[in-house]
Every structure is written in structure tokens, then in C-alpha cells.
């Protein structure tokens, strides 16, 4: 199965970021995943606009941004100018989600909806017609290294079962994506995974070796 494998750059070594980008690209990643946090929508600070610009300018691979911020609509133009290919927003973060998703699509960018563990399918189903991707959080957003929340698996199945009705959005899993979880969730139809410390970063083996292992799953 050809899965979309996206390293979470929040987990990268920022002291050697350019080398990290090069090694990850050589390892065969598909897309860089960039977490933007404002300390308000989630109780943590993540990457900023300068970080996104730095990575996007030096990467030959596409980049997505996961906006864990309030008023994401204020930054769509900036990310468009940086060449970002996918923008994920949280439905709880804005005042008009339909307008924001449409704004993203009007820029020629793929629109994604990020779903928190406690957010139900029913709460967002009207927005799915405007989504190219659905990013399902299997941990609470804002921090790396958390444990997988088992109850979210039922919701993943629900989104997968309805995707064709909503014109075929892709389901991507974010949070505690270990090799075992990638294997398990691939079997039920998940198409992409955000790779953090559970599968890629902080390992004894090289990125290339780890990616080869994940591709074989």
C-alpha cells in the first residue's frame, strides 16, 4: 500500500535543521508536516512563520501546515506565498469554517480539517464537502510523545466509511503513529501518517533505515 508518510518537523533537531531536511528527503519522505501553535488554541508554542519559510524554501518535497491557532484565516495568504500544499484547520479555531476552507481552496491549496480526539464526525460532517484531507488526532494536540487514545479508532473507521460520500477526502493519522499502529490502521484504510518520536525521530537507526522499515509494513 502506498501510504503518505510525513515527518513532524516539530520533532526534528533545529540546531541542524538544513541537514535534517536533506536526510529526511533522501530517506524518501512524502511531505513535511509543520505544526503551528500560538499558545492560545493549544497550551504550547510550536513552529512560527519563519520556520515554515525556512523549511519550505530548502525542501524539494511539499509541505503541509497544521494550524493549532485561533483565526487561521488571517494567515492563509502568507502560507500560500510560501508554497504550502496542504493547510489543516481545526473547526473550533475560527469563526467561519466554510469561508476559511473555501479561501484555502481558492488559493489552489488542498484544504484539510484537523479533528481533535473529542470532536465527533457528526460535529463536522457538513464541512467535509470542502475537504481534501482529514487529519485525525489520536492524541491531544499540542505536545509530542503522547500515548495513542484507543477510543479514537472507532471514529477513524467512521470517517473512512463515509469518505466516498464526501468526494473522497484522504484520511491521515496524527499522534503516536508507531510501526504497529501504522500497520493496524493501514489495514482499515488510513492513507497517511504523521511520523514523530513513535516511528522516526530519536531512533538509533538512520532516517533512511526507519523509512525503509515503514514502507515494508
N, C-alpha and C. Protein backbone atom coordinates (compact mmCIF):
# COMPACT_ATOMS: atom_id res chain seq x y z
N UNK A 1 0.85 -1.20 0.00
CA UNK A 1 0.00 0.00 0.00
C UNK A 1 0.88 1.25 0.00
N UNK A 2 0.57 2.19 -0.84
CA UNK A 2 1.34 3.43 -0.94
C UNK A 2 0.82 4.45 0.06
N UNK A 3 1.41 4.48 1.24
CA UNK A 3 0.97 5.40 2.28
C UNK A 3 1.68 6.75 2.15
N UNK A 4 1.00 7.79 2.60
CA UNK A 4 1.60 9.12 2.69
C UNK A 4 2.30 9.20 4.03
N UNK A 5 3.62 9.31 4.02
CA UNK A 5 4.41 9.34 5.26
C UNK A 5 5.06 10.71 5.41
N UNK A 6 4.67 11.40 6.49
CA UNK A 6 5.03 12.82 6.66
C UNK A 6 5.71 13.04 8.01
N UNK A 7 6.99 13.36 8.03
CA UNK A 7 7.66 13.62 9.31
C UNK A 7 7.16 14.91 9.95
N UNK A 8 6.92 14.83 11.25
CA UNK A 8 6.54 16.02 12.01
C UNK A 8 7.80 16.78 12.38
N UNK A 9 8.00 17.92 11.76
CA UNK A 9 9.25 18.65 11.94
C UNK A 9 9.38 19.29 13.32
N UNK A 10 8.32 19.27 14.10
CA UNK A 10 8.42 19.70 15.49
C UNK A 10 9.40 18.80 16.26
N UNK A 11 9.58 17.57 15.77
CA UNK A 11 10.44 16.59 16.44
C UNK A 11 11.87 16.61 15.91
N UNK A 12 12.14 17.41 14.90
CA UNK A 12 13.46 17.45 14.28
C UNK A 12 14.46 18.21 15.15
N UNK A 13 15.72 18.07 14.83
CA UNK A 13 16.80 18.78 15.53
C UNK A 13 16.98 20.15 14.86
N UNK A 14 16.49 21.19 15.50
CA UNK A 14 16.53 22.52 14.90
C UNK A 14 17.93 23.12 14.90
N UNK A 15 18.85 22.54 15.66
CA UNK A 15 20.23 23.02 15.63
C UNK A 15 20.92 22.64 14.32
N UNK A 16 20.36 21.64 13.64
CA UNK A 16 20.93 21.18 12.36
C UNK A 16 19.79 20.97 11.36
N UNK A 17 18.93 21.97 11.24
CA UNK A 17 17.68 21.80 10.51
C UNK A 17 17.90 21.54 9.03
N UNK A 18 18.83 22.24 8.41
CA UNK A 18 19.05 22.03 6.98
C UNK A 18 19.52 20.60 6.70
N UNK A 19 20.37 20.08 7.56
CA UNK A 19 20.83 18.70 7.41
C UNK A 19 19.69 17.71 7.66
N UNK A 20 18.83 18.02 8.61
CA UNK A 20 17.66 17.18 8.87
C UNK A 20 16.77 17.10 7.64
N UNK A 21 16.53 18.24 7.02
CA UNK A 21 15.71 18.28 5.80
C UNK A 21 16.33 17.40 4.73
N UNK A 22 17.63 17.54 4.53
CA UNK A 22 18.31 16.76 3.49
C UNK A 22 18.21 15.26 3.76
N UNK A 23 18.48 14.87 4.99
CA UNK A 23 18.45 13.44 5.32
C UNK A 23 17.05 12.86 5.20
N UNK A 24 16.04 13.61 5.60
CA UNK A 24 14.67 13.12 5.50
C UNK A 24 14.24 12.98 4.05
N UNK A 25 14.64 13.93 3.22
CA UNK A 25 14.31 13.82 1.80
C UNK A 25 15.00 12.61 1.17
N UNK A 26 16.26 12.42 1.51
CA UNK A 26 16.99 11.27 0.98
C UNK A 26 16.40 9.95 1.48
N UNK A 27 15.76 9.99 2.65
CA UNK A 27 15.14 8.78 3.21
C UNK A 27 13.84 8.43 2.50
N UNK A 28 13.29 9.38 1.74
CA UNK A 28 12.10 9.08 0.95
C UNK A 28 10.78 9.50 1.56
N UNK A 29 10.80 10.54 2.40
CA UNK A 29 9.53 11.02 2.96
C UNK A 29 8.68 11.63 1.84
N UNK A 30 7.38 11.76 2.10
CA UNK A 30 6.47 12.28 1.08
C UNK A 30 6.18 13.77 1.23
N UNK A 31 6.06 14.22 2.47
CA UNK A 31 5.67 15.61 2.72
C UNK A 31 6.12 15.99 4.13
N UNK A 32 6.58 17.22 4.28
CA UNK A 32 6.93 17.72 5.61
C UNK A 32 5.68 18.25 6.31
N UNK A 33 5.51 17.85 7.57
CA UNK A 33 4.36 18.27 8.37
C UNK A 33 4.82 19.31 9.39
N UNK A 34 4.25 20.50 9.31
CA UNK A 34 4.70 21.63 10.12
C UNK A 34 3.59 22.07 11.07
N UNK A 35 3.84 21.93 12.37
CA UNK A 35 2.85 22.26 13.40
C UNK A 35 3.01 23.71 13.84
N UNK A 36 1.95 24.48 13.68
CA UNK A 36 1.95 25.89 14.07
C UNK A 36 1.04 26.04 15.29
N UNK A 37 1.60 26.53 16.41
CA UNK A 37 0.84 26.69 17.65
C UNK A 37 1.03 28.10 18.18
N UNK A 38 -0.04 28.62 18.78
CA UNK A 38 0.02 30.01 19.24
C UNK A 38 -0.01 30.17 20.76
N UNK A 39 -0.06 29.06 21.50
CA UNK A 39 -0.14 29.16 22.95
C UNK A 39 -1.52 29.54 23.46
N UNK A 40 -2.48 29.70 22.55
CA UNK A 40 -3.85 30.06 22.92
C UNK A 40 -4.80 28.91 22.59
N UNK A 41 -4.82 28.51 21.33
CA UNK A 41 -5.69 27.39 20.95
C UNK A 41 -5.22 26.10 21.60
N UNK A 42 -3.91 25.92 21.72
CA UNK A 42 -3.33 24.82 22.50
C UNK A 42 -2.33 25.41 23.48
N UNK A 43 -2.11 24.76 24.63
CA UNK A 43 -1.24 25.34 25.66
C UNK A 43 0.24 25.09 25.41
N UNK A 44 0.67 25.44 24.21
CA UNK A 44 2.08 25.26 23.87
C UNK A 44 2.38 26.16 22.67
N UNK A 45 3.65 26.42 22.45
CA UNK A 45 4.09 27.16 21.27
C UNK A 45 4.83 26.21 20.34
N UNK A 46 4.54 26.30 19.06
CA UNK A 46 5.20 25.45 18.08
C UNK A 46 5.99 26.28 17.10
N UNK A 47 6.05 25.81 15.89
CA UNK A 47 6.81 26.49 14.86
C UNK A 47 6.12 27.79 14.46
N UNK A 48 6.92 28.73 13.98
CA UNK A 48 6.39 30.01 13.55
C UNK A 48 6.52 30.20 12.06
N UNK A 49 6.13 31.37 11.59
CA UNK A 49 6.18 31.66 10.15
C UNK A 49 7.59 31.57 9.60
N UNK A 50 8.58 32.02 10.38
CA UNK A 50 9.97 31.96 9.91
C UNK A 50 10.44 30.52 9.73
N UNK A 51 9.99 29.63 10.62
CA UNK A 51 10.36 28.21 10.50
C UNK A 51 9.75 27.60 9.24
N UNK A 52 8.49 27.92 9.00
CA UNK A 52 7.80 27.40 7.81
C UNK A 52 8.50 27.88 6.55
N UNK A 53 8.84 29.16 6.52
CA UNK A 53 9.51 29.72 5.35
C UNK A 53 10.88 29.07 5.14
N UNK A 54 11.61 28.86 6.22
CA UNK A 54 12.94 28.25 6.14
C UNK A 54 12.86 26.85 5.53
N UNK A 55 11.94 26.04 6.03
CA UNK A 55 11.83 24.66 5.55
C UNK A 55 11.30 24.61 4.13
N UNK A 56 10.27 25.40 3.85
CA UNK A 56 9.66 25.34 2.52
C UNK A 56 10.64 25.81 1.43
N UNK A 57 11.52 26.74 1.75
CA UNK A 57 12.49 27.23 0.78
C UNK A 57 13.59 26.21 0.49
N UNK A 58 13.89 25.37 1.46
CA UNK A 58 15.00 24.44 1.33
C UNK A 58 14.58 23.02 0.96
N UNK A 59 13.29 22.81 0.89
CA UNK A 59 12.79 21.46 0.63
C UNK A 59 12.38 21.29 -0.82
N UNK A 60 12.69 20.12 -1.37
CA UNK A 60 12.19 19.76 -2.70
C UNK A 60 10.89 18.97 -2.59
N UNK A 61 10.51 18.63 -1.35
CA UNK A 61 9.25 17.93 -1.09
C UNK A 61 8.19 18.95 -0.68
N UNK A 62 6.91 18.61 -0.88
CA UNK A 62 5.84 19.53 -0.46
C UNK A 62 5.76 19.63 1.06
N UNK A 63 5.15 20.70 1.53
CA UNK A 63 4.96 20.93 2.96
C UNK A 63 3.47 21.14 3.25
N UNK A 64 3.03 20.62 4.39
CA UNK A 64 1.70 20.98 4.89
C UNK A 64 1.87 21.75 6.19
N UNK A 65 0.85 22.52 6.57
CA UNK A 65 0.85 23.18 7.87
C UNK A 65 -0.41 22.78 8.63
N UNK A 66 -0.22 22.49 9.89
CA UNK A 66 -1.31 22.13 10.81
C UNK A 66 -1.47 23.31 11.75
N UNK A 67 -2.55 24.07 11.56
CA UNK A 67 -2.74 25.33 12.28
C UNK A 67 -3.50 25.10 13.58
N UNK A 68 -2.77 25.04 14.67
CA UNK A 68 -3.38 24.96 16.00
C UNK A 68 -3.36 26.36 16.59
N UNK A 69 -4.13 27.23 15.96
CA UNK A 69 -4.14 28.65 16.28
C UNK A 69 -5.56 29.18 16.17
N UNK A 70 -5.82 30.31 16.81
CA UNK A 70 -7.10 30.97 16.61
C UNK A 70 -7.01 31.85 15.35
N UNK A 71 -8.13 32.05 14.71
CA UNK A 71 -8.23 32.86 13.50
C UNK A 71 -7.25 32.42 12.41
N UNK A 72 -7.29 31.17 12.00
CA UNK A 72 -6.35 30.71 10.96
C UNK A 72 -6.53 31.44 9.63
N UNK A 73 -7.72 31.98 9.41
CA UNK A 73 -7.98 32.66 8.13
C UNK A 73 -7.05 33.85 7.91
N UNK A 74 -6.48 34.39 8.97
CA UNK A 74 -5.61 35.56 8.85
C UNK A 74 -4.25 35.22 8.21
N UNK A 75 -3.93 33.94 8.12
CA UNK A 75 -2.59 33.55 7.68
C UNK A 75 -2.58 32.76 6.38
N UNK A 76 -3.74 32.56 5.77
CA UNK A 76 -3.81 31.76 4.55
C UNK A 76 -2.96 32.36 3.44
N UNK A 77 -3.04 33.67 3.26
CA UNK A 77 -2.26 34.31 2.19
C UNK A 77 -0.76 34.14 2.40
N UNK A 78 -0.30 34.24 3.65
CA UNK A 78 1.13 34.07 3.92
C UNK A 78 1.59 32.67 3.56
N UNK A 79 0.81 31.66 3.94
CA UNK A 79 1.21 30.29 3.63
C UNK A 79 1.11 30.00 2.14
N UNK A 80 0.17 30.63 1.48
CA UNK A 80 0.07 30.49 0.03
C UNK A 80 1.33 31.04 -0.64
N UNK A 81 1.79 32.19 -0.17
CA UNK A 81 3.01 32.80 -0.73
C UNK A 81 4.24 31.92 -0.51
N UNK A 82 4.21 31.09 0.53
CA UNK A 82 5.34 30.20 0.82
C UNK A 82 5.28 28.89 0.04
N UNK A 83 4.20 28.69 -0.69
CA UNK A 83 4.08 27.48 -1.50
C UNK A 83 3.59 26.26 -0.75
N UNK A 84 2.93 26.46 0.37
CA UNK A 84 2.39 25.34 1.15
C UNK A 84 1.32 24.62 0.34
N UNK A 85 1.34 23.28 0.39
CA UNK A 85 0.44 22.48 -0.45
C UNK A 85 -0.84 22.04 0.25
N UNK A 86 -0.80 21.89 1.58
CA UNK A 86 -1.98 21.48 2.35
C UNK A 86 -2.05 22.33 3.61
N UNK A 87 -3.24 22.83 3.93
CA UNK A 87 -3.44 23.57 5.17
C UNK A 87 -4.55 22.89 5.96
N UNK A 88 -4.21 22.48 7.19
CA UNK A 88 -5.20 21.90 8.11
C UNK A 88 -5.65 22.96 9.11
N UNK A 89 -6.96 23.07 9.29
CA UNK A 89 -7.50 23.94 10.34
C UNK A 89 -8.35 23.09 11.29
N UNK A 90 -8.50 23.58 12.51
CA UNK A 90 -9.40 22.94 13.47
C UNK A 90 -10.75 23.65 13.42
N UNK A 91 -11.85 22.90 13.40
CA UNK A 91 -13.16 23.55 13.32
C UNK A 91 -13.46 24.44 14.51
N UNK A 92 -12.81 24.21 15.65
CA UNK A 92 -13.05 25.01 16.84
C UNK A 92 -12.27 26.32 16.85
N UNK A 93 -11.42 26.54 15.85
CA UNK A 93 -10.46 27.65 15.92
C UNK A 93 -10.89 28.92 15.20
N UNK A 94 -11.95 28.85 14.41
CA UNK A 94 -12.32 30.01 13.60
C UNK A 94 -13.77 30.40 13.77
N UNK A 95 -14.12 31.51 13.16
CA UNK A 95 -15.50 31.99 13.26
C UNK A 95 -16.34 31.53 12.08
N UNK A 96 -15.72 31.24 10.94
CA UNK A 96 -16.45 30.79 9.76
C UNK A 96 -15.61 29.76 9.02
N UNK A 97 -15.82 28.50 9.38
CA UNK A 97 -15.00 27.43 8.81
C UNK A 97 -15.23 27.25 7.31
N UNK A 98 -16.47 27.42 6.87
CA UNK A 98 -16.76 27.27 5.44
C UNK A 98 -15.97 28.30 4.65
N UNK A 99 -15.98 29.52 5.10
CA UNK A 99 -15.26 30.59 4.40
C UNK A 99 -13.75 30.32 4.40
N UNK A 100 -13.22 29.86 5.52
CA UNK A 100 -11.78 29.60 5.60
C UNK A 100 -11.37 28.45 4.70
N UNK A 101 -12.13 27.35 4.71
CA UNK A 101 -11.81 26.22 3.84
C UNK A 101 -11.91 26.62 2.37
N UNK A 102 -12.91 27.43 2.04
CA UNK A 102 -13.06 27.88 0.66
C UNK A 102 -11.92 28.81 0.27
N UNK A 103 -11.48 29.64 1.21
CA UNK A 103 -10.34 30.53 0.95
C UNK A 103 -9.09 29.72 0.62
N UNK A 104 -8.88 28.65 1.37
CA UNK A 104 -7.72 27.77 1.12
C UNK A 104 -7.80 27.18 -0.28
N UNK A 105 -8.97 26.66 -0.64
CA UNK A 105 -9.14 26.03 -1.95
C UNK A 105 -9.00 27.05 -3.08
N UNK A 106 -9.49 28.25 -2.85
CA UNK A 106 -9.40 29.29 -3.88
C UNK A 106 -7.95 29.67 -4.19
N UNK A 107 -7.06 29.41 -3.23
CA UNK A 107 -5.63 29.67 -3.43
C UNK A 107 -4.93 28.52 -4.15
N UNK A 108 -5.69 27.48 -4.48
CA UNK A 108 -5.08 26.32 -5.12
C UNK A 108 -4.37 25.39 -4.15
N UNK A 109 -4.69 25.52 -2.87
CA UNK A 109 -4.10 24.70 -1.81
C UNK A 109 -5.12 23.64 -1.40
N UNK A 110 -4.64 22.46 -1.05
CA UNK A 110 -5.53 21.42 -0.55
C UNK A 110 -6.00 21.80 0.85
N UNK A 111 -7.31 21.65 1.08
CA UNK A 111 -7.89 22.03 2.37
C UNK A 111 -8.05 20.80 3.26
N UNK A 112 -7.62 20.94 4.50
CA UNK A 112 -7.73 19.84 5.45
C UNK A 112 -8.40 20.27 6.74
N UNK A 113 -9.11 19.33 7.34
CA UNK A 113 -9.76 19.56 8.63
C UNK A 113 -9.08 18.67 9.66
N UNK A 114 -8.62 19.27 10.76
CA UNK A 114 -7.98 18.53 11.84
C UNK A 114 -9.01 18.23 12.92
N UNK A 115 -9.11 16.96 13.30
CA UNK A 115 -10.16 16.50 14.20
C UNK A 115 -9.56 16.11 15.54
N UNK A 116 -9.90 16.84 16.59
CA UNK A 116 -9.43 16.52 17.93
C UNK A 116 -10.04 15.21 18.43
N UNK A 117 -9.43 14.57 19.42
CA UNK A 117 -9.98 13.30 19.93
C UNK A 117 -11.44 13.39 20.35
N UNK A 118 -11.86 14.52 20.92
CA UNK A 118 -13.23 14.65 21.41
C UNK A 118 -14.21 15.19 20.37
N UNK A 119 -13.73 15.52 19.18
CA UNK A 119 -14.61 16.06 18.13
C UNK A 119 -15.21 14.92 17.33
N UNK A 120 -16.53 14.90 17.22
CA UNK A 120 -17.22 13.79 16.56
C UNK A 120 -17.36 14.02 15.06
N UNK A 121 -17.61 12.93 14.35
CA UNK A 121 -17.92 13.01 12.92
C UNK A 121 -19.15 13.88 12.69
N UNK A 122 -20.17 13.70 13.52
CA UNK A 122 -21.42 14.45 13.36
C UNK A 122 -21.20 15.95 13.48
N UNK A 123 -20.23 16.36 14.28
CA UNK A 123 -20.00 17.79 14.51
C UNK A 123 -19.40 18.49 13.30
N UNK A 124 -18.78 17.73 12.39
CA UNK A 124 -18.06 18.37 11.27
C UNK A 124 -18.52 17.90 9.90
N UNK A 125 -19.50 17.02 9.83
CA UNK A 125 -19.82 16.38 8.55
C UNK A 125 -20.23 17.37 7.47
N UNK A 126 -20.84 18.50 7.84
CA UNK A 126 -21.24 19.49 6.83
C UNK A 126 -20.03 20.15 6.17
N UNK A 127 -18.87 20.09 6.81
CA UNK A 127 -17.67 20.71 6.27
C UNK A 127 -16.89 19.79 5.33
N UNK A 128 -17.21 18.52 5.33
CA UNK A 128 -16.37 17.54 4.63
C UNK A 128 -16.42 17.67 3.12
N UNK A 129 -17.47 18.29 2.58
CA UNK A 129 -17.52 18.51 1.13
C UNK A 129 -16.39 19.43 0.66
N UNK A 130 -15.88 20.24 1.58
CA UNK A 130 -14.82 21.20 1.24
C UNK A 130 -13.43 20.70 1.58
N UNK A 131 -13.32 19.44 1.99
CA UNK A 131 -12.05 18.91 2.49
C UNK A 131 -11.40 17.94 1.51
N UNK A 132 -10.12 18.15 1.28
CA UNK A 132 -9.31 17.19 0.53
C UNK A 132 -8.66 16.18 1.47
N UNK A 133 -8.42 16.61 2.71
CA UNK A 133 -7.79 15.76 3.72
C UNK A 133 -8.54 15.91 5.04
N UNK A 134 -8.54 14.82 5.82
CA UNK A 134 -8.99 14.86 7.21
C UNK A 134 -7.86 14.32 8.06
N UNK A 135 -7.38 15.15 8.98
CA UNK A 135 -6.28 14.79 9.88
C UNK A 135 -6.89 14.42 11.22
N UNK A 136 -6.86 13.14 11.56
CA UNK A 136 -7.49 12.68 12.80
C UNK A 136 -6.43 12.58 13.89
N UNK A 137 -6.64 13.36 14.94
CA UNK A 137 -5.71 13.39 16.07
C UNK A 137 -6.00 12.20 16.99
N UNK A 138 -4.99 11.39 17.24
CA UNK A 138 -5.14 10.26 18.15
C UNK A 138 -4.49 10.53 19.50
N UNK A 139 -4.06 11.78 19.69
CA UNK A 139 -3.58 12.30 20.97
C UNK A 139 -4.15 13.71 21.10
N UNK A 140 -4.08 14.28 22.29
CA UNK A 140 -4.50 15.66 22.44
C UNK A 140 -3.46 16.57 21.79
N UNK A 141 -3.89 17.53 20.97
CA UNK A 141 -2.95 18.34 20.21
C UNK A 141 -2.10 19.25 21.09
N UNK A 142 -0.86 19.48 20.62
CA UNK A 142 -0.01 20.45 21.29
C UNK A 142 1.30 19.94 21.83
N UNK A 143 1.41 18.61 22.01
CA UNK A 143 2.63 18.06 22.59
C UNK A 143 3.00 16.76 21.89
N UNK A 144 4.30 16.54 21.72
CA UNK A 144 4.79 15.30 21.13
C UNK A 144 4.96 14.24 22.22
N UNK A 145 5.05 12.97 21.79
CA UNK A 145 5.39 11.89 22.71
C UNK A 145 4.26 11.37 23.57
N UNK A 146 3.00 11.63 23.21
CA UNK A 146 1.88 11.14 24.00
C UNK A 146 1.47 9.73 23.58
N UNK A 147 0.64 9.08 24.41
CA UNK A 147 0.15 7.74 24.11
C UNK A 147 -1.09 7.80 23.22
N UNK A 148 -1.24 6.79 22.40
CA UNK A 148 -2.38 6.66 21.50
C UNK A 148 -3.67 6.49 22.31
N UNK A 149 -4.71 7.24 21.94
CA UNK A 149 -6.02 7.13 22.59
C UNK A 149 -6.86 6.11 21.83
N UNK A 150 -7.03 4.93 22.42
CA UNK A 150 -7.65 3.81 21.71
C UNK A 150 -9.07 4.10 21.24
N UNK A 151 -9.81 4.92 21.97
CA UNK A 151 -11.20 5.14 21.59
C UNK A 151 -11.34 5.87 20.25
N UNK A 152 -10.27 6.50 19.80
CA UNK A 152 -10.34 7.24 18.53
C UNK A 152 -10.43 6.30 17.33
N UNK A 153 -10.02 5.05 17.49
CA UNK A 153 -10.04 4.12 16.36
C UNK A 153 -11.44 3.96 15.79
N UNK A 154 -12.45 3.94 16.63
CA UNK A 154 -13.84 3.83 16.16
C UNK A 154 -14.18 5.02 15.26
N UNK A 155 -13.74 6.19 15.65
CA UNK A 155 -14.01 7.39 14.85
C UNK A 155 -13.26 7.35 13.52
N UNK A 156 -12.04 6.84 13.54
CA UNK A 156 -11.30 6.70 12.28
C UNK A 156 -12.10 5.85 11.30
N UNK A 157 -12.65 4.76 11.78
CA UNK A 157 -13.47 3.90 10.93
C UNK A 157 -14.67 4.66 10.37
N UNK A 158 -15.28 5.49 11.19
CA UNK A 158 -16.45 6.26 10.75
C UNK A 158 -16.08 7.21 9.61
N UNK A 159 -14.99 7.93 9.76
CA UNK A 159 -14.55 8.84 8.69
C UNK A 159 -14.20 8.06 7.43
N UNK A 160 -13.56 6.92 7.58
CA UNK A 160 -13.21 6.11 6.41
C UNK A 160 -14.46 5.58 5.71
N UNK A 161 -15.45 5.17 6.48
CA UNK A 161 -16.67 4.61 5.90
C UNK A 161 -17.48 5.64 5.12
N UNK A 162 -17.30 6.92 5.42
CA UNK A 162 -18.10 7.97 4.77
C UNK A 162 -17.34 8.75 3.70
N UNK A 163 -16.08 8.45 3.48
CA UNK A 163 -15.25 9.30 2.63
C UNK A 163 -15.76 9.38 1.19
N UNK A 164 -16.24 8.29 0.64
CA UNK A 164 -16.70 8.32 -0.76
C UNK A 164 -17.93 9.19 -0.93
N UNK A 165 -18.77 9.25 0.09
CA UNK A 165 -19.96 10.11 0.04
C UNK A 165 -19.56 11.58 -0.06
N UNK A 166 -18.42 11.92 0.54
CA UNK A 166 -17.95 13.31 0.53
C UNK A 166 -16.82 13.52 -0.48
N UNK A 167 -16.90 12.82 -1.60
CA UNK A 167 -15.99 13.03 -2.73
C UNK A 167 -14.56 12.58 -2.46
N UNK A 168 -14.36 11.70 -1.48
CA UNK A 168 -13.09 11.01 -1.37
C UNK A 168 -11.95 11.74 -0.71
N UNK A 169 -12.19 12.42 0.42
CA UNK A 169 -11.08 13.01 1.17
C UNK A 169 -10.13 11.90 1.62
N UNK A 170 -8.87 12.25 1.85
CA UNK A 170 -7.88 11.30 2.36
C UNK A 170 -7.81 11.41 3.88
N UNK A 171 -7.72 10.27 4.54
CA UNK A 171 -7.65 10.23 6.00
C UNK A 171 -6.19 10.04 6.42
N UNK A 172 -5.69 11.00 7.21
CA UNK A 172 -4.32 10.99 7.71
C UNK A 172 -4.37 10.94 9.24
N UNK A 173 -3.51 10.13 9.83
CA UNK A 173 -3.50 9.94 11.28
C UNK A 173 -2.32 10.69 11.89
N UNK A 174 -2.60 11.41 12.98
CA UNK A 174 -1.58 12.23 13.64
C UNK A 174 -1.57 11.93 15.13
N UNK A 175 -0.46 11.36 15.61
CA UNK A 175 -0.31 11.13 17.04
C UNK A 175 0.01 9.69 17.38
N UNK A 176 1.19 9.46 17.97
CA UNK A 176 1.59 8.13 18.44
C UNK A 176 1.52 7.09 17.33
N UNK A 177 1.97 7.47 16.14
CA UNK A 177 1.94 6.55 14.99
C UNK A 177 3.17 5.65 15.01
N UNK A 178 3.11 4.62 15.83
CA UNK A 178 4.18 3.63 15.89
C UNK A 178 4.07 2.70 14.69
N UNK A 179 5.12 1.95 14.39
CA UNK A 179 5.01 0.98 13.29
C UNK A 179 3.82 0.04 13.43
N UNK A 180 3.56 -0.43 14.65
CA UNK A 180 2.42 -1.33 14.86
C UNK A 180 1.10 -0.63 14.57
N UNK A 181 0.96 0.63 15.00
CA UNK A 181 -0.28 1.37 14.74
C UNK A 181 -0.43 1.67 13.25
N UNK A 182 0.67 1.97 12.59
CA UNK A 182 0.60 2.22 11.15
C UNK A 182 0.11 0.97 10.43
N UNK A 183 0.61 -0.18 10.83
CA UNK A 183 0.17 -1.44 10.23
C UNK A 183 -1.31 -1.68 10.50
N UNK A 184 -1.73 -1.49 11.74
CA UNK A 184 -3.13 -1.72 12.13
C UNK A 184 -4.09 -0.79 11.40
N UNK A 185 -3.76 0.49 11.36
CA UNK A 185 -4.67 1.47 10.78
C UNK A 185 -4.63 1.47 9.25
N UNK A 186 -3.52 1.04 8.68
CA UNK A 186 -3.46 0.87 7.23
C UNK A 186 -4.43 -0.21 6.78
N UNK A 187 -4.56 -1.24 7.58
CA UNK A 187 -5.44 -2.36 7.23
C UNK A 187 -6.91 -1.93 7.15
N UNK A 188 -7.29 -0.91 7.90
CA UNK A 188 -8.69 -0.46 7.85
C UNK A 188 -8.88 0.70 6.86
N UNK A 189 -7.79 1.14 6.22
CA UNK A 189 -7.93 2.10 5.14
C UNK A 189 -7.30 3.45 5.31
N UNK A 190 -6.64 3.72 6.45
CA UNK A 190 -5.98 5.02 6.63
C UNK A 190 -4.89 5.18 5.57
N UNK A 191 -4.80 6.38 5.00
CA UNK A 191 -3.93 6.60 3.83
C UNK A 191 -2.66 7.37 4.12
N UNK A 192 -2.57 7.98 5.29
CA UNK A 192 -1.39 8.76 5.61
C UNK A 192 -1.12 8.79 7.09
N UNK A 193 0.13 9.05 7.45
CA UNK A 193 0.54 9.06 8.85
C UNK A 193 1.57 10.16 9.09
N UNK A 194 1.40 10.86 10.21
CA UNK A 194 2.38 11.85 10.64
C UNK A 194 3.38 11.12 11.53
N UNK A 195 4.65 11.23 11.19
CA UNK A 195 5.70 10.47 11.87
C UNK A 195 6.43 11.34 12.87
N UNK A 196 6.37 10.93 14.14
CA UNK A 196 7.07 11.64 15.19
C UNK A 196 8.05 10.74 15.90
N UNK A 197 8.08 10.82 17.23
CA UNK A 197 9.03 10.04 18.00
C UNK A 197 8.64 8.57 18.11
N UNK A 198 7.39 8.23 17.80
CA UNK A 198 6.97 6.83 17.88
C UNK A 198 7.49 5.99 16.72
N UNK A 199 7.83 6.63 15.60
CA UNK A 199 8.20 5.86 14.41
C UNK A 199 9.48 6.30 13.72
N UNK A 200 9.93 7.55 13.94
CA UNK A 200 11.01 8.05 13.10
C UNK A 200 12.12 8.77 13.85
N UNK A 201 11.77 9.73 14.69
CA UNK A 201 12.78 10.59 15.33
C UNK A 201 13.31 9.97 16.63
N UNK A 202 14.58 10.27 16.90
CA UNK A 202 15.18 9.82 18.15
C UNK A 202 15.50 8.34 18.20
N UNK A 203 15.68 7.72 17.04
CA UNK A 203 15.99 6.29 16.97
C UNK A 203 17.48 6.08 16.70
N UNK A 204 17.97 4.89 17.03
CA UNK A 204 19.38 4.57 16.76
C UNK A 204 19.63 4.41 15.27
N UNK A 205 18.65 3.90 14.54
CA UNK A 205 18.81 3.70 13.11
C UNK A 205 18.63 5.03 12.38
N UNK A 206 19.15 5.10 11.17
CA UNK A 206 19.05 6.32 10.36
C UNK A 206 17.63 6.53 9.87
N UNK A 207 17.34 7.75 9.42
CA UNK A 207 16.02 8.02 8.84
C UNK A 207 15.76 7.10 7.66
N UNK A 208 16.77 6.87 6.86
CA UNK A 208 16.60 6.01 5.69
C UNK A 208 16.22 4.59 6.10
N UNK A 209 16.90 4.07 7.11
CA UNK A 209 16.58 2.72 7.58
C UNK A 209 15.17 2.66 8.16
N UNK A 210 14.79 3.67 8.92
CA UNK A 210 13.46 3.69 9.52
C UNK A 210 12.37 3.81 8.46
N UNK A 211 12.60 4.65 7.45
CA UNK A 211 11.62 4.80 6.38
C UNK A 211 11.49 3.52 5.57
N UNK A 212 12.59 2.84 5.32
CA UNK A 212 12.53 1.57 4.60
C UNK A 212 11.70 0.56 5.38
N UNK A 213 11.86 0.55 6.70
CA UNK A 213 11.08 -0.35 7.55
C UNK A 213 9.59 -0.01 7.47
N UNK A 214 9.26 1.27 7.52
CA UNK A 214 7.86 1.69 7.47
C UNK A 214 7.23 1.39 6.12
N UNK A 215 8.00 1.52 5.05
CA UNK A 215 7.47 1.22 3.72
C UNK A 215 7.16 -0.27 3.55
N UNK A 216 7.88 -1.10 4.30
CA UNK A 216 7.67 -2.55 4.19
C UNK A 216 6.44 -3.03 4.96
N UNK A 217 5.92 -2.21 5.84
CA UNK A 217 4.77 -2.62 6.66
C UNK A 217 3.56 -2.89 5.77
